[in-house]
C-alpha atoms as a PDB file:
ATOM      1  CA  MET A   1     -21.473   1.381  -6.274  1.00  0.00           C
ATOM      2  CA  GLU A   2     -22.861  -2.047  -4.376  1.00  0.00           C
ATOM      3  CA  GLY A   3     -21.174  -2.754  -1.121  1.00  0.00           C
ATOM      4  CA  SER A   4     -20.025  -6.343  -1.868  1.00  0.00           C
ATOM      5  CA  GLY A   5     -17.963  -5.024  -5.080  1.00  0.00           C
ATOM      6  CA  PHE A   6     -15.762  -3.051  -2.370  1.00  0.00           C
ATOM      7  CA  ARG A   7     -14.785  -5.685  -0.212  1.00  0.00           C
ATOM      8  CA  PHE A   8     -11.607  -6.683   0.659  1.00  0.00           C
ATOM      9  CA  ARG A   9     -11.191 -10.740   0.081  1.00  0.00           C
ATOM     10  CA  SER A  10      -8.632 -12.767   1.717  1.00  0.00           C
ATOM     11  CA  TYR A  11      -7.250 -14.296  -1.298  1.00  0.00           C
ATOM     12  CA  GLU A  12      -6.360 -10.750  -2.765  1.00  0.00           C
ATOM     13  CA  ARG A  13      -4.211 -10.151   0.354  1.00  0.00           C
ATOM     14  CA  LEU A  14      -0.631 -11.381  -0.295  1.00  0.00           C
ATOM     15  CA  LYS A  15       0.274 -12.728   3.296  1.00  0.00           C
ATOM     16  CA  GLN A  16       2.891 -15.366   2.584  1.00  0.00           C
ATOM     17  CA  SER A  17       6.373 -14.218   3.216  1.00  0.00           C
ATOM     18  CA  GLU A  18       8.391 -16.082   0.403  1.00  0.00           C
ATOM     19  CA  GLY A  19       5.316 -14.452  -1.858  1.00  0.00           C
ATOM     20  CA  ILE A  20       6.191 -11.159  -0.539  1.00  0.00           C
ATOM     21  CA  ARG A  21       9.851 -11.518  -0.697  1.00  0.00           C
ATOM     22  CA  GLN A  22       9.641 -12.444  -4.434  1.00  0.00           C
ATOM     23  CA  VAL A  23       7.854  -9.473  -5.326  1.00  0.00           C
ATOM     24  CA  PHE A  24      10.444  -7.477  -3.546  1.00  0.00           C
ATOM     25  CA  LYS A  25      13.093  -9.591  -5.338  1.00  0.00           C
ATOM     26  CA  ARG A  26      11.858  -9.432  -8.796  1.00  0.00           C
ATOM     27  CA  GLY A  27       9.688  -6.949  -8.820  1.00  0.00           C
ATOM     28  CA  ARG A  28       9.924  -3.634 -10.316  1.00  0.00           C
ATOM     29  CA  SER A  29       9.815  -0.164  -7.605  1.00  0.00           C
ATOM     30  CA  TYR A  30       8.010   3.116  -7.543  1.00  0.00           C
ATOM     31  CA  GLY A  31       8.755   5.733  -5.028  1.00  0.00           C
ATOM     32  CA  CYS A  32       7.296   9.044  -3.646  1.00  0.00           C
ATOM     33  CA  PRO A  33       8.027  10.229  -0.530  1.00  0.00           C
ATOM     34  CA  GLY A  34       7.100   7.972   2.301  1.00  0.00           C
ATOM     35  CA  ALA A  35       6.326   4.843   0.218  1.00  0.00           C
ATOM     36  CA  LYS A  36       7.413   2.337  -2.043  1.00  0.00           C
ATOM     37  CA  LEU A  37       5.354  -0.034  -4.370  1.00  0.00           C
ATOM     38  CA  PHE A  38       6.894  -3.237  -5.498  1.00  0.00           C
ATOM     39  CA  VAL A  39       4.838  -4.337  -8.643  1.00  0.00           C
ATOM     40  CA  ILE A  40       5.405  -7.940 -10.806  1.00  0.00           C
ATOM     41  CA  ARG A  41       3.066  -9.544 -12.788  1.00  0.00           C
ATOM     42  CA  SER A  42       0.990 -12.884 -11.281  1.00  0.00           C
ATOM     43  CA  GLY A  43      -1.193 -13.785 -14.150  1.00  0.00           C
ATOM     44  CA  LEU A  44      -4.171 -14.145 -12.025  1.00  0.00           C
ATOM     45  CA  PRO A  45      -7.375 -12.730 -13.054  1.00  0.00           C
ATOM     46  CA  TYR A  46      -7.228 -10.250  -9.724  1.00  0.00           C
ATOM     47  CA  ASN A  47      -4.468  -8.233  -7.738  1.00  0.00           C
ATOM     48  CA  ARG A  48      -2.972  -9.151  -4.640  1.00  0.00           C
ATOM     49  CA  ILE A  49      -1.273  -7.064  -2.176  1.00  0.00           C
ATOM     50  CA  GLY A  50       0.650  -7.047   1.031  1.00  0.00           C
ATOM     51  CA  PHE A  51       1.734  -4.622   3.097  1.00  0.00           C
ATOM     52  CA  ALA A  52       5.238  -3.740   4.671  1.00  0.00           C
ATOM     53  CA  LEU A  53       6.540  -1.300   7.063  1.00  0.00           C
ATOM     54  CA  ALA A  54      10.314  -0.132   7.407  1.00  0.00           C
ATOM     55  CA  ARG A  55      11.713  -1.172  10.860  1.00  0.00           C
ATOM     56  CA  LYS A  56      11.938   1.857  12.350  1.00  0.00           C
ATOM     57  CA  PHE A  57       8.670   2.416  11.904  1.00  0.00           C
ATOM     58  CA  GLY A  58       7.129   3.548  15.606  1.00  0.00           C
ATOM     59  CA  GLY A  59       5.260   1.370  17.986  1.00  0.00           C
ATOM     60  CA  ALA A  60       2.472  -1.527  17.447  1.00  0.00           C
ATOM     61  CA  PRO A  61      -0.439   1.328  17.313  1.00  0.00           C
ATOM     62  CA  ALA A  62       1.251   3.206  14.343  1.00  0.00           C
ATOM     63  CA  ARG A  63       2.311   0.421  12.211  1.00  0.00           C
ATOM     64  CA  ASN A  64      -1.699  -1.131  12.810  1.00  0.00           C
ATOM     65  CA  ARG A  65      -2.696   2.402  11.802  1.00  0.00           C
ATOM     66  CA  ALA A  66      -0.461   2.617   9.043  1.00  0.00           C
ATOM     67  CA  LYS A  67      -1.338  -1.103   7.481  1.00  0.00           C
ATOM     68  CA  ARG A  68      -5.325  -0.522   7.845  1.00  0.00           C
ATOM     69  CA  LEU A  69      -5.272   2.836   6.459  1.00  0.00           C
ATOM     70  CA  GLY A  70      -3.511   0.824   3.473  1.00  0.00           C
ATOM     71  CA  ARG A  71      -5.619  -1.655   3.202  1.00  0.00           C
ATOM     72  CA  GLU A  72      -8.648   0.897   3.125  1.00  0.00           C
ATOM     73  CA  ALA A  73      -6.670   3.147   0.442  1.00  0.00           C
ATOM     74  CA  TYR A  74      -6.286  -0.031  -1.818  1.00  0.00           C
ATOM     75  CA  ARG A  75      -9.657  -1.162  -1.446  1.00  0.00           C
ATOM     76  CA  LEU A  76     -11.061   2.099  -2.328  1.00  0.00           C
ATOM     77  CA  LEU A  77      -8.854   2.583  -5.567  1.00  0.00           C
ATOM     78  CA  ARG A  78      -8.781  -1.384  -6.612  1.00  0.00           C
ATOM     79  CA  PRO A  79     -11.681  -1.055  -8.919  1.00  0.00           C
ATOM     80  CA  ARG A  80      -9.686   1.827 -11.025  1.00  0.00           C
ATOM     81  CA  LEU A  81      -6.764  -0.711 -11.060  1.00  0.00           C
ATOM     82  CA  ALA A  82      -5.487  -3.205 -13.808  1.00  0.00           C
ATOM     83  CA  ALA A  83      -5.742  -7.118 -12.660  1.00  0.00           C
ATOM     84  CA  GLY A  84      -3.211  -9.677 -12.589  1.00  0.00           C
ATOM     85  CA  PHE A  85      -0.616  -8.056 -10.282  1.00  0.00           C
ATOM     86  CA  ASP A  86       1.182  -9.078  -7.217  1.00  0.00           C
ATOM     87  CA  LEU A  87       1.832  -5.574  -5.093  1.00  0.00           C
ATOM     88  CA  VAL A  88       3.857  -4.687  -1.959  1.00  0.00           C
ATOM     89  CA  LEU A  89       3.388  -1.268  -0.534  1.00  0.00           C
ATOM     90  CA  LEU A  90       6.374  -0.235   1.740  1.00  0.00           C
ATOM     91  CA  VAL A  91       5.491   2.598   3.972  1.00  0.00           C
ATOM     92  CA  TYR A  92       8.414   4.686   5.623  1.00  0.00           C
ATOM     93  CA  PRO A  93       8.062   6.672   8.774  1.00  0.00           C
ATOM     94  CA  PRO A  94       8.121  10.625   8.070  1.00  0.00           C
ATOM     95  CA  PRO A  95      11.059  11.984   9.102  1.00  0.00           C
ATOM     96  CA  GLU A  96      11.763  13.187  12.655  1.00  0.00           C
ATOM     97  CA  SER A  97      10.725  16.695  13.540  1.00  0.00           C
ATOM     98  CA  PRO A  98      12.435  18.208  16.616  1.00  0.00           C
ATOM     99  CA  ALA A  99       9.508  20.465  17.247  1.00  0.00           C
ATOM    100  CA  SER A 100       6.829  18.004  16.952  1.00  0.00           C
ATOM    101  CA  PRO A 101       5.839  15.766  19.885  1.00  0.00           C
ATOM    102  CA  LYS A 102       5.759  12.063  19.453  1.00  0.00           C
ATOM    103  CA  GLY A 103       2.800  10.163  20.014  1.00  0.00           C
ATOM    104  CA  PRO A 104       0.029   8.257  18.203  1.00  0.00           C
ATOM    105  CA  ARG A 105      -1.555  11.296  16.911  1.00  0.00           C
ATOM    106  CA  ASN A 106       2.057  12.025  15.351  1.00  0.00           C
ATOM    107  CA  SER A 107       3.073   8.684  14.143  1.00  0.00           C
ATOM    108  CA  GLY A 108       3.598   9.494  10.619  1.00  0.00           C
ATOM    109  CA  SER A 109       0.919   7.380   9.448  1.00  0.00           C
ATOM    110  CA  GLY A 110      -0.796  10.196   7.635  1.00  0.00           C
ATOM    111  CA  GLY A 111      -4.353  10.070   7.302  1.00  0.00           C
ATOM    112  CA  LEU A 112      -6.738   8.303   4.395  1.00  0.00           C
ATOM    113  CA  GLY A 113      -6.681  11.074   1.977  1.00  0.00           C
ATOM    114  CA  PHE A 114      -2.805  11.281   1.928  1.00  0.00           C
ATOM    115  CA  ARG A 115      -2.503   7.115   1.788  1.00  0.00           C
ATOM    116  CA  MET A 116      -5.106   7.580  -0.867  1.00  0.00           C
ATOM    117  CA  LYS A 117      -2.868  10.116  -2.871  1.00  0.00           C
ATOM    118  CA  GLN A 118       0.172   8.104  -2.276  1.00  0.00           C
ATOM    119  CA  LEU A 119      -1.348   5.051  -3.718  1.00  0.00           C
ATOM    120  CA  THR A 120      -2.366   6.534  -6.637  1.00  0.00           C
ATOM    121  CA  ALA A 121       0.449   8.279  -7.653  1.00  0.00           C
ATOM    122  CA  LEU A 122       2.453   5.014  -7.044  1.00  0.00           C
ATOM    123  CA  CYS A 123       0.024   3.133  -9.065  1.00  0.00           C
ATOM    124  CA  ALA A 124      -0.059   5.551 -11.977  1.00  0.00           C
ATOM    125  CA  ARG A 125       3.505   5.803 -12.120  1.00  0.00           C
ATOM    126  CA  ALA A 126       3.604   1.884 -12.024  1.00  0.00           C
ATOM    127  CA  GLY A 127       0.830   2.126 -15.240  1.00  0.00           C
ATOM    128  CA  LEU A 128      -1.600   0.189 -13.225  1.00  0.00           C
ATOM    129  CA  LEU A 129      -4.468   2.935 -13.823  1.00  0.00           C
ATOM    130  CA  LEU A 130      -7.127   1.866 -16.185  1.00  0.00           C
ATOM    131  CA  ASN A 131      -8.046   4.507 -18.860  1.00  0.00           C
ATOM    132  CA  GLY A 132     -10.601   7.183 -17.879  1.00  0.00           C
ATOM    133  CA  SER A 133      -9.316   6.711 -14.143  1.00  0.00           C
END
């Protein structure tokens, strides 16, 4: 496990809004509580991924944290994934609980372990996990 093999390169990011729109429009979607993964075959020798958040997903710190956790979860999961796909992970805020205080610690972005489980489950449903993973 060499450190450079786990880097998240800029060419692996799906940043152009038109590319993300195409994945939303033509891609197949797989959902789980709190997130939805859109997948389309790209034909490239690597995957590209973009992150989107629902419109009502907290303030800027909560959105930034959710994206950061998504990138880290993908970076750790990437060696176990089949290549040649464009992916968009859409993250939803959790349902509001009247007893829970609002704030950055309860922003709904969850922790890295939660995001890893979410992304692994979505990739398994999409058939992206390599055999033996």
